[in-house]
Amino acid sequence: MALRHLLASLSMLTLLAGCSSQPTAEQAAEISGACNVDTIRGVLGQTANAARIEQVQQQANANTLRVLAPGDAATMDYNPQRLNIDIDESEVIIRLTCG
């Protein structure tokens, strides 16, 4: 009898799990506190200035950021809450990554 109740409970849990929906990438980033560059791709090709950098950091949901110019040294540690903004010699944003 106990086995029957256990199997019935497991079946119900399986059915309920199948009804749950997966969050979008943006929702998952907000939930986890992780950076999300999909929301900021529009700044590629624009000049990096203090106001734009601050706005982009907020829109990407990044806790920290670093701006990397050609030749800058960067640590290889991965931080999912960090936004990396690569700029060229003219301070134009050429790449956006999280990590």
PDB file of N, CA and C in Angstrom:
ATOM      1  N   MET A   1       0.818  -1.187   0.000  1.00  0.00           N
ATOM      2  CA  MET A   1       0.000   0.000   0.000  1.00  0.00           C
ATOM      3  C   MET A   1       0.869   1.263   0.000  1.00  0.00           C
ATOM      4  N   ALA A   2       1.935   1.276   0.801  1.00  0.00           N
ATOM      5  CA  ALA A   2       2.820   2.434   0.877  1.00  0.00           C
ATOM      6  C   ALA A   2       3.525   2.662  -0.460  1.00  0.00           C
ATOM      7  N   LEU A   3       3.878   1.574  -1.113  1.00  0.00           N
ATOM      8  CA  LEU A   3       4.526   1.674  -2.416  1.00  0.00           C
ATOM      9  C   LEU A   3       3.596   2.330  -3.430  1.00  0.00           C
ATOM     10  N   ARG A   4       2.318   1.999  -3.383  1.00  0.00           N
ATOM     11  CA  ARG A   4       1.333   2.575  -4.297  1.00  0.00           C
ATOM     12  C   ARG A   4       1.239   4.087  -4.080  1.00  0.00           C
ATOM     13  N   HIS A   5       1.235   4.517  -2.818  1.00  0.00           N
ATOM     14  CA  HIS A   5       1.172   5.954  -2.515  1.00  0.00           C
ATOM     15  C   HIS A   5       2.436   6.675  -2.986  1.00  0.00           C
ATOM     16  N   LEU A   6       3.585   6.036  -2.807  1.00  0.00           N
ATOM     17  CA  LEU A   6       4.845   6.613  -3.252  1.00  0.00           C
ATOM     18  C   LEU A   6       4.856   6.778  -4.764  1.00  0.00           C
ATOM     19  N   LEU A   7       4.428   5.751  -5.480  1.00  0.00           N
ATOM     20  CA  LEU A   7       4.395   5.824  -6.940  1.00  0.00           C
ATOM     21  C   LEU A   7       3.394   6.884  -7.419  1.00  0.00           C
ATOM     22  N   ALA A   8       2.272   7.000  -6.756  1.00  0.00           N
ATOM     23  CA  ALA A   8       1.282   8.012  -7.121  1.00  0.00           C
ATOM     24  C   ALA A   8       1.844   9.416  -6.883  1.00  0.00           C
ATOM     25  N   SER A   9       2.542   9.582  -5.783  1.00  0.00           N
ATOM     26  CA  SER A   9       3.144  10.887  -5.482  1.00  0.00           C
ATOM     27  C   SER A   9       4.203  11.252  -6.510  1.00  0.00           C
ATOM     28  N   LEU A  10       5.045  10.289  -6.857  1.00  0.00           N
ATOM     29  CA  LEU A  10       6.083  10.542  -7.860  1.00  0.00           C
ATOM     30  C   LEU A  10       5.471  10.873  -9.216  1.00  0.00           C
ATOM     31  N   SER A  11       4.394  10.195  -9.562  1.00  0.00           N
ATOM     32  CA  SER A  11       3.715  10.481 -10.831  1.00  0.00           C
ATOM     33  C   SER A  11       3.172  11.901 -10.853  1.00  0.00           C
ATOM     34  N   MET A  12       2.588  12.330  -9.743  1.00  0.00           N
ATOM     35  CA  MET A  12       2.045  13.698  -9.665  1.00  0.00           C
ATOM     36  C   MET A  12       3.160  14.737  -9.769  1.00  0.00           C
ATOM     37  N   LEU A  13       4.287  14.488  -9.118  1.00  0.00           N
ATOM     38  CA  LEU A  13       5.413  15.412  -9.190  1.00  0.00           C
ATOM     39  C   LEU A  13       5.946  15.508 -10.618  1.00  0.00           C
ATOM     40  N   THR A  14       6.012  14.388 -11.299  1.00  0.00           N
ATOM     41  CA  THR A  14       6.473  14.371 -12.687  1.00  0.00           C
ATOM     42  C   THR A  14       5.540  15.188 -13.572  1.00  0.00           C
ATOM     43  N   LEU A  15       4.248  15.029 -13.379  1.00  0.00           N
ATOM     44  CA  LEU A  15       3.275  15.795 -14.162  1.00  0.00           C
ATOM     45  C   LEU A  15       3.396  17.289 -13.885  1.00  0.00           C
ATOM     46  N   LEU A  16       3.544  17.651 -12.629  1.00  0.00           N
ATOM     47  CA  LEU A  16       3.674  19.066 -12.278  1.00  0.00           C
ATOM     48  C   LEU A  16       4.956  19.664 -12.848  1.00  0.00           C
ATOM     49  N   ALA A  17       6.035  18.924 -12.833  1.00  0.00           N
ATOM     50  CA  ALA A  17       7.298  19.420 -13.382  1.00  0.00           C
ATOM     51  C   ALA A  17       7.171  19.672 -14.880  1.00  0.00           C
ATOM     52  N   GLY A  18       6.414  18.850 -15.571  1.00  0.00           N
ATOM     53  CA  GLY A  18       6.213  19.038 -17.005  1.00  0.00           C
ATOM     54  C   GLY A  18       5.410  20.279 -17.335  1.00  0.00           C
ATOM     55  N   CYS A  19       4.646  20.791 -16.389  1.00  0.00           N
ATOM     56  CA  CYS A  19       3.832  21.981 -16.610  1.00  0.00           C
ATOM     57  C   CYS A  19       4.596  23.279 -16.399  1.00  0.00           C
ATOM     58  N   SER A  20       5.761  23.211 -15.804  1.00  0.00           N
ATOM     59  CA  SER A  20       6.513  24.442 -15.543  1.00  0.00           C
ATOM     60  C   SER A  20       7.126  24.956 -16.837  1.00  0.00           C
ATOM     61  N   SER A  21       7.272  26.276 -16.930  1.00  0.00           N
ATOM     62  CA  SER A  21       7.858  26.874 -18.131  1.00  0.00           C
ATOM     63  C   SER A  21       9.280  27.327 -17.835  1.00  0.00           C
ATOM     64  N   GLN A  22      10.084  27.353 -18.862  1.00  0.00           N
ATOM     65  CA  GLN A  22      11.466  27.787 -18.728  1.00  0.00           C
ATOM     66  C   GLN A  22      11.538  29.300 -18.926  1.00  0.00           C
ATOM     67  N   PRO A  23      12.340  30.012 -18.108  1.00  0.00           N
ATOM     68  CA  PRO A  23      12.464  31.457 -18.283  1.00  0.00           C
ATOM     69  C   PRO A  23      13.248  31.792 -19.554  1.00  0.00           C
ATOM     70  N   THR A  24      12.988  32.966 -20.121  1.00  0.00           N
ATOM     71  CA  THR A  24      13.760  33.425 -21.270  1.00  0.00           C
ATOM     72  C   THR A  24      15.172  33.723 -20.796  1.00  0.00           C
ATOM     73  N   ALA A  25      16.086  33.941 -21.722  1.00  0.00           N
ATOM     74  CA  ALA A  25      17.476  34.252 -21.363  1.00  0.00           C
ATOM     75  C   ALA A  25      17.539  35.524 -20.517  1.00  0.00           C
ATOM     76  N   GLU A  26      16.731  36.509 -20.873  1.00  0.00           N
ATOM     77  CA  GLU A  26      16.723  37.765 -20.121  1.00  0.00           C
ATOM     78  C   GLU A  26      16.182  37.549 -18.707  1.00  0.00           C
ATOM     79  N   GLN A  27      15.118  36.771 -18.578  1.00  0.00           N
ATOM     80  CA  GLN A  27      14.562  36.492 -17.254  1.00  0.00           C
ATOM     81  C   GLN A  27      15.543  35.677 -16.422  1.00  0.00           C
ATOM     82  N   ALA A  28      16.215  34.734 -17.042  1.00  0.00           N
ATOM     83  CA  ALA A  28      17.192  33.915 -16.321  1.00  0.00           C
ATOM     84  C   ALA A  28      18.344  34.778 -15.813  1.00  0.00           C
ATOM     85  N   ALA A  29      18.785  35.727 -16.625  1.00  0.00           N
ATOM     86  CA  ALA A  29      19.865  36.621 -16.195  1.00  0.00           C
ATOM     87  C   ALA A  29      19.425  37.464 -15.016  1.00  0.00           C
ATOM     88  N   GLU A  30      18.188  37.964 -15.047  1.00  0.00           N
ATOM     89  CA  GLU A  30      17.681  38.762 -13.932  1.00  0.00           C
ATOM     90  C   GLU A  30      17.552  37.928 -12.669  1.00  0.00           C
ATOM     91  N   ILE A  31      17.094  36.700 -12.820  1.00  0.00           N
ATOM     92  CA  ILE A  31      16.917  35.825 -11.668  1.00  0.00           C
ATOM     93  C   ILE A  31      18.270  35.478 -11.056  1.00  0.00           C
ATOM     94  N   SER A  32      19.236  35.144 -11.886  1.00  0.00           N
ATOM     95  CA  SER A  32      20.529  34.703 -11.381  1.00  0.00           C
ATOM     96  C   SER A  32      21.459  35.864 -11.057  1.00  0.00           C
ATOM     97  N   GLY A  33      21.120  37.067 -11.494  1.00  0.00           N
ATOM     98  CA  GLY A  33      22.010  38.203 -11.287  1.00  0.00           C
ATOM     99  C   GLY A  33      23.138  38.230 -12.302  1.00  0.00           C
ATOM    100  N   ALA A  34      23.032  37.411 -13.337  1.00  0.00           N
ATOM    101  CA  ALA A  34      24.086  37.318 -14.334  1.00  0.00           C
ATOM    102  C   ALA A  34      23.932  38.400 -15.395  1.00  0.00           C
ATOM    103  N   CYS A  35      25.026  38.759 -15.970  1.00  0.00           N
ATOM    104  CA  CYS A  35      25.102  39.727 -17.062  1.00  0.00           C
ATOM    105  C   CYS A  35      24.401  39.163 -18.308  1.00  0.00           C
ATOM    106  N   ASN A  36      23.820  40.048 -19.136  1.00  0.00           N
ATOM    107  CA  ASN A  36      23.140  39.638 -20.364  1.00  0.00           C
ATOM    108  C   ASN A  36      23.405  40.672 -21.445  1.00  0.00           C
ATOM    109  N   VAL A  37      24.242  40.339 -22.429  1.00  0.00           N
ATOM    110  CA  VAL A  37      24.581  41.294 -23.484  1.00  0.00           C
ATOM    111  C   VAL A  37      23.537  41.375 -24.591  1.00  0.00           C
ATOM    112  N   ASP A  38      22.599  40.454 -24.635  1.00  0.00           N
ATOM    113  CA  ASP A  38      21.582  40.478 -25.685  1.00  0.00           C
ATOM    114  C   ASP A  38      20.765  41.769 -25.656  1.00  0.00           C
ATOM    115  N   THR A  39      20.638  42.384 -24.503  1.00  0.00           N
ATOM    116  CA  THR A  39      19.826  43.592 -24.367  1.00  0.00           C
ATOM    117  C   THR A  39      20.559  44.864 -24.779  1.00  0.00           C
ATOM    118  N   ILE A  40      21.868  44.780 -25.062  1.00  0.00           N
ATOM    119  CA  ILE A  40      22.658  45.997 -25.306  1.00  0.00           C
ATOM    120  C   ILE A  40      23.423  45.995 -26.621  1.00  0.00           C
ATOM    121  N   ARG A  41      23.147  45.068 -27.482  1.00  0.00           N
ATOM    122  CA  ARG A  41      23.901  44.966 -28.750  1.00  0.00           C
ATOM    123  C   ARG A  41      23.851  46.247 -29.585  1.00  0.00           C
ATOM    124  N   GLY A  42      22.850  47.076 -29.362  1.00  0.00           N
ATOM    125  CA  GLY A  42      22.693  48.303 -30.138  1.00  0.00           C
ATOM    126  C   GLY A  42      23.805  49.323 -29.942  1.00  0.00           C
ATOM    127  N   VAL A  43      24.627  49.164 -28.908  1.00  0.00           N
ATOM    128  CA  VAL A  43      25.705  50.139 -28.675  1.00  0.00           C
ATOM    129  C   VAL A  43      26.975  49.805 -29.441  1.00  0.00           C
ATOM    130  N   LEU A  44      27.025  48.662 -30.085  1.00  0.00           N
ATOM    131  CA  LEU A  44      28.199  48.329 -30.893  1.00  0.00           C
ATOM    132  C   LEU A  44      28.387  49.394 -31.969  1.00  0.00           C
ATOM    133  N   GLY A  45      29.614  49.863 -32.102  1.00  0.00           N
ATOM    134  CA  GLY A  45      29.910  50.901 -33.088  1.00  0.00           C
ATOM    135  C   GLY A  45      29.771  52.318 -32.548  1.00  0.00           C
ATOM    136  N   GLN A  46      29.278  52.459 -31.330  1.00  0.00           N
ATOM    137  CA  GLN A  46      29.142  53.786 -30.716  1.00  0.00           C
ATOM    138  C   GLN A  46      30.362  54.094 -29.855  1.00  0.00           C
ATOM    139  N   THR A  47      30.610  55.380 -29.630  1.00  0.00           N
ATOM    140  CA  THR A  47      31.728  55.808 -28.812  1.00  0.00           C
ATOM    141  C   THR A  47      31.437  55.538 -27.339  1.00  0.00           C
ATOM    142  N   ALA A  48      32.429  55.009 -26.644  1.00  0.00           N
ATOM    143  CA  ALA A  48      32.292  54.725 -25.216  1.00  0.00           C
ATOM    144  C   ALA A  48      32.553  56.003 -24.427  1.00  0.00           C
ATOM    145  N   ASN A  49      31.542  56.460 -23.700  1.00  0.00           N
ATOM    146  CA  ASN A  49      31.724  57.575 -22.777  1.00  0.00           C
ATOM    147  C   ASN A  49      31.142  57.155 -21.433  1.00  0.00           C
ATOM    148  N   ALA A  50      31.396  57.942 -20.409  1.00  0.00           N
ATOM    149  CA  ALA A  50      30.995  57.552 -19.050  1.00  0.00           C
ATOM    150  C   ALA A  50      29.497  57.299 -18.935  1.00  0.00           C
ATOM    151  N   ALA A  51      28.678  58.177 -19.510  1.00  0.00           N
ATOM    152  CA  ALA A  51      27.226  58.027 -19.408  1.00  0.00           C
ATOM    153  C   ALA A  51      26.748  56.759 -20.122  1.00  0.00           C
ATOM    154  N   ARG A  52      27.288  56.510 -21.310  1.00  0.00           N
ATOM    155  CA  ARG A  52      26.877  55.320 -22.075  1.00  0.00           C
ATOM    156  C   ARG A  52      27.318  54.046 -21.360  1.00  0.00           C
ATOM    157  N   ILE A  53      28.521  54.045 -20.825  1.00  0.00           N
ATOM    158  CA  ILE A  53      29.034  52.866 -20.115  1.00  0.00           C
ATOM    159  C   ILE A  53      28.149  52.542 -18.918  1.00  0.00           C
ATOM    160  N   GLU A  54      27.786  53.551 -18.151  1.00  0.00           N
ATOM    161  CA  GLU A  54      26.936  53.340 -16.980  1.00  0.00           C
ATOM    162  C   GLU A  54      25.564  52.801 -17.384  1.00  0.00           C
ATOM    163  N   GLN A  55      24.999  53.373 -18.437  1.00  0.00           N
ATOM    164  CA  GLN A  55      23.689  52.932 -18.914  1.00  0.00           C
ATOM    165  C   GLN A  55      23.745  51.485 -19.405  1.00  0.00           C
ATOM    166  N   VAL A  56      24.785  51.151 -20.143  1.00  0.00           N
ATOM    167  CA  VAL A  56      24.941  49.804 -20.686  1.00  0.00           C
ATOM    168  C   VAL A  56      25.104  48.789 -19.554  1.00  0.00           C
ATOM    169  N   GLN A  57      25.849  49.157 -18.530  1.00  0.00           N
ATOM    170  CA  GLN A  57      26.022  48.254 -17.390  1.00  0.00           C
ATOM    171  C   GLN A  57      24.677  47.948 -16.739  1.00  0.00           C
ATOM    172  N   GLN A  58      23.864  48.956 -16.552  1.00  0.00           N
ATOM    173  CA  GLN A  58      22.549  48.755 -15.947  1.00  0.00           C
ATOM    174  C   GLN A  58      21.649  47.901 -16.839  1.00  0.00           C
ATOM    175  N   GLN A  59      21.638  48.204 -18.133  1.00  0.00           N
ATOM    176  CA  GLN A  59      20.785  47.454 -19.057  1.00  0.00           C
ATOM    177  C   GLN A  59      21.212  45.993 -19.179  1.00  0.00           C
ATOM    178  N   ALA A  60      22.492  45.736 -19.016  1.00  0.00           N
ATOM    179  CA  ALA A  60      23.002  44.362 -19.109  1.00  0.00           C
ATOM    180  C   ALA A  60      22.844  43.609 -17.795  1.00  0.00           C
ATOM    181  N   ASN A  61      22.360  44.293 -16.761  1.00  0.00           N
ATOM    182  CA  ASN A  61      22.181  43.685 -15.448  1.00  0.00           C
ATOM    183  C   ASN A  61      23.511  43.182 -14.889  1.00  0.00           C
ATOM    184  N   ALA A  62      24.590  43.925 -15.158  1.00  0.00           N
ATOM    185  CA  ALA A  62      25.926  43.530 -14.712  1.00  0.00           C
ATOM    186  C   ALA A  62      26.279  44.225 -13.405  1.00  0.00           C
ATOM    187  N   ASN A  63      26.782  43.453 -12.455  1.00  0.00           N
ATOM    188  CA  ASN A  63      27.202  44.035 -11.182  1.00  0.00           C
ATOM    189  C   ASN A  63      28.514  44.785 -11.304  1.00  0.00           C
ATOM    190  N   THR A  64      29.397  44.294 -12.162  1.00  0.00           N
ATOM    191  CA  THR A  64      30.690  44.943 -12.382  1.00  0.00           C
ATOM    192  C   THR A  64      30.953  45.039 -13.875  1.00  0.00           C
ATOM    193  N   LEU A  65      31.934  45.857 -14.232  1.00  0.00           N
ATOM    194  CA  LEU A  65      32.305  45.943 -15.633  1.00  0.00           C
ATOM    195  C   LEU A  65      33.764  46.292 -15.760  1.00  0.00           C
ATOM    196  N   ARG A  66      34.286  46.039 -16.940  1.00  0.00           N
ATOM    197  CA  ARG A  66      35.632  46.493 -17.279  1.00  0.00           C
ATOM    198  C   ARG A  66      35.627  46.882 -18.749  1.00  0.00           C
ATOM    199  N   VAL A  67      36.325  47.957 -19.011  1.00  0.00           N
ATOM    200  CA  VAL A  67      36.487  48.451 -20.378  1.00  0.00           C
ATOM    201  C   VAL A  67      37.907  48.109 -20.782  1.00  0.00           C
ATOM    202  N   LEU A  68      38.043  47.406 -21.894  1.00  0.00           N
ATOM    203  CA  LEU A  68      39.345  46.933 -22.355  1.00  0.00           C
ATOM    204  C   LEU A  68      39.713  47.574 -23.684  1.00  0.00           C
ATOM    205  N   ALA A  69      40.822  48.304 -23.668  1.00  0.00           N
ATOM    206  CA  ALA A  69      41.356  48.925 -24.881  1.00  0.00           C
ATOM    207  C   ALA A  69      42.421  47.997 -25.461  1.00  0.00           C
ATOM    208  N   PRO A  70      42.796  48.199 -26.724  1.00  0.00           N
ATOM    209  CA  PRO A  70      43.834  47.350 -27.314  1.00  0.00           C
ATOM    210  C   PRO A  70      45.105  47.380 -26.458  1.00  0.00           C
ATOM    211  N   GLY A  71      45.629  46.194 -26.171  1.00  0.00           N
ATOM    212  CA  GLY A  71      46.857  46.083 -25.394  1.00  0.00           C
ATOM    213  C   GLY A  71      46.655  46.039 -23.889  1.00  0.00           C
ATOM    214  N   ASP A  72      45.433  46.258 -23.409  1.00  0.00           N
ATOM    215  CA  ASP A  72      45.168  46.184 -21.971  1.00  0.00           C
ATOM    216  C   ASP A  72      45.308  44.749 -21.483  1.00  0.00           C
ATOM    217  N   ALA A  73      45.856  44.603 -20.287  1.00  0.00           N
ATOM    218  CA  ALA A  73      45.935  43.288 -19.662  1.00  0.00           C
ATOM    219  C   ALA A  73      44.599  42.994 -18.985  1.00  0.00           C
ATOM    220  N   ALA A  74      44.186  41.748 -19.036  1.00  0.00           N
ATOM    221  CA  ALA A  74      42.936  41.351 -18.394  1.00  0.00           C
ATOM    222  C   ALA A  74      43.120  39.986 -17.753  1.00  0.00           C
ATOM    223  N   THR A  75      42.552  39.823 -16.581  1.00  0.00           N
ATOM    224  CA  THR A  75      42.612  38.526 -15.920  1.00  0.00           C
ATOM    225  C   THR A  75      41.739  37.539 -16.682  1.00  0.00           C
ATOM    226  N   MET A  76      42.017  36.281 -16.522  1.00  0.00           N
ATOM    227  CA  MET A  76      41.278  35.241 -17.235  1.00  0.00           C
ATOM    228  C   MET A  76      40.183  34.615 -16.374  1.00  0.00           C
ATOM    229  N   ASP A  77      39.924  35.179 -15.193  1.00  0.00           N
ATOM    230  CA  ASP A  77      38.873  34.634 -14.339  1.00  0.00           C
ATOM    231  C   ASP A  77      37.509  34.911 -14.957  1.00  0.00           C
ATOM    232  N   TYR A  78      36.583  34.008 -14.720  1.00  0.00           N
ATOM    233  CA  TYR A  78      35.234  34.152 -15.262  1.00  0.00           C
ATOM    234  C   TYR A  78      34.304  34.650 -14.173  1.00  0.00           C
ATOM    235  N   ASN A  79      33.605  35.739 -14.453  1.00  0.00           N
ATOM    236  CA  ASN A  79      32.635  36.298 -13.518  1.00  0.00           C
ATOM    237  C   ASN A  79      31.343  36.539 -14.292  1.00  0.00           C
ATOM    238  N   PRO A  80      30.319  35.718 -14.095  1.00  0.00           N
ATOM    239  CA  PRO A  80      29.086  35.857 -14.876  1.00  0.00           C
ATOM    240  C   PRO A  80      28.336  37.155 -14.604  1.00  0.00           C
ATOM    241  N   GLN A  81      28.746  37.896 -13.598  1.00  0.00           N
ATOM    242  CA  GLN A  81      28.092  39.166 -13.274  1.00  0.00           C
ATOM    243  C   GLN A  81      28.861  40.366 -13.806  1.00  0.00           C
ATOM    244  N   ARG A  82      29.923  40.121 -14.596  1.00  0.00           N
ATOM    245  CA  ARG A  82      30.759  41.206 -15.113  1.00  0.00           C
ATOM    246  C   ARG A  82      30.528  41.408 -16.610  1.00  0.00           C
ATOM    247  N   LEU A  83      30.385  42.664 -17.007  1.00  0.00           N
ATOM    248  CA  LEU A  83      30.288  43.046 -18.407  1.00  0.00           C
ATOM    249  C   LEU A  83      31.661  43.500 -18.874  1.00  0.00           C
ATOM    250  N   ASN A  84      32.116  42.952 -19.999  1.00  0.00           N
ATOM    251  CA  ASN A  84      33.372  43.363 -20.620  1.00  0.00           C
ATOM    252  C   ASN A  84      33.037  44.165 -21.870  1.00  0.00           C
ATOM    253  N   ILE A  85      33.577  45.368 -21.955  1.00  0.00           N
ATOM    254  CA  ILE A  85      33.369  46.221 -23.119  1.00  0.00           C
ATOM    255  C   ILE A  85      34.725  46.426 -23.776  1.00  0.00           C
ATOM    256  N   ASP A  86      34.886  45.887 -24.973  1.00  0.00           N
ATOM    257  CA  ASP A  86      36.124  46.069 -25.728  1.00  0.00           C
ATOM    258  C   ASP A  86      35.968  47.273 -26.636  1.00  0.00           C
ATOM    259  N   ILE A  87      36.962  48.162 -26.599  1.00  0.00           N
ATOM    260  CA  ILE A  87      36.942  49.353 -27.443  1.00  0.00           C
ATOM    261  C   ILE A  87      38.183  49.358 -28.330  1.00  0.00           C
ATOM    262  N   ASP A  88      38.112  50.109 -29.435  1.00  0.00           N
ATOM    263  CA  ASP A  88      39.278  50.235 -30.302  1.00  0.00           C
ATOM    264  C   ASP A  88      40.058  51.494 -29.926  1.00  0.00           C
ATOM    265  N   GLU A  89      41.053  51.844 -30.734  1.00  0.00           N
ATOM    266  CA  GLU A  89      41.900  53.007 -30.452  1.00  0.00           C
ATOM    267  C   GLU A  89      41.110  54.310 -30.406  1.00  0.00           C
ATOM    268  N   SER A  90      39.980  54.368 -31.108  1.00  0.00           N
ATOM    269  CA  SER A  90      39.140  55.564 -31.146  1.00  0.00           C
ATOM    270  C   SER A  90      38.058  55.554 -30.069  1.00  0.00           C
ATOM    271  N   GLU A  91      38.128  54.595 -29.157  1.00  0.00           N
ATOM    272  CA  GLU A  91      37.158  54.428 -28.075  1.00  0.00           C
ATOM    273  C   GLU A  91      35.759  54.060 -28.577  1.00  0.00           C
ATOM    274  N   VAL A  92      35.708  53.368 -29.699  1.00  0.00           N
ATOM    275  CA  VAL A  92      34.453  52.858 -30.255  1.00  0.00           C
ATOM    276  C   VAL A  92      34.245  51.443 -29.716  1.00  0.00           C
ATOM    277  N   ILE A  93      33.037  51.148 -29.276  1.00  0.00           N
ATOM    278  CA  ILE A  93      32.711  49.834 -28.719  1.00  0.00           C
ATOM    279  C   ILE A  93      32.693  48.809 -29.851  1.00  0.00           C
ATOM    280  N   ILE A  94      33.557  47.816 -29.752  1.00  0.00           N
ATOM    281  CA  ILE A  94      33.666  46.813 -30.816  1.00  0.00           C
ATOM    282  C   ILE A  94      33.212  45.417 -30.374  1.00  0.00           C
ATOM    283  N   ARG A  95      33.119  45.190 -29.057  1.00  0.00           N
ATOM    284  CA  ARG A  95      32.705  43.862 -28.589  1.00  0.00           C
ATOM    285  C   ARG A  95      32.144  43.954 -27.178  1.00  0.00           C
ATOM    286  N   LEU A  96      31.127  43.137 -26.911  1.00  0.00           N
ATOM    287  CA  LEU A  96      30.485  43.069 -25.605  1.00  0.00           C
ATOM    288  C   LEU A  96      30.422  41.602 -25.189  1.00  0.00           C
ATOM    289  N   THR A  97      30.936  41.312 -24.017  1.00  0.00           N
ATOM    290  CA  THR A  97      30.871  39.939 -23.514  1.00  0.00           C
ATOM    291  C   THR A  97      30.601  39.972 -22.010  1.00  0.00           C
ATOM    292  N   CYS A  98      30.109  38.883 -21.516  1.00  0.00           N
ATOM    293  CA  CYS A  98      29.956  38.721 -20.078  1.00  0.00           C
ATOM    294  C   CYS A  98      30.984  37.700 -19.630  1.00  0.00           C
ATOM    295  N   GLY A  99      31.467  37.884 -18.440  1.00  0.00           N
ATOM    296  CA  GLY A  99      32.399  36.890 -17.912  1.00  0.00           C
ATOM    297  C   GLY A  99      33.579  37.481 -17.224  1.00  0.00           C
TER     298      GLY A  99
END
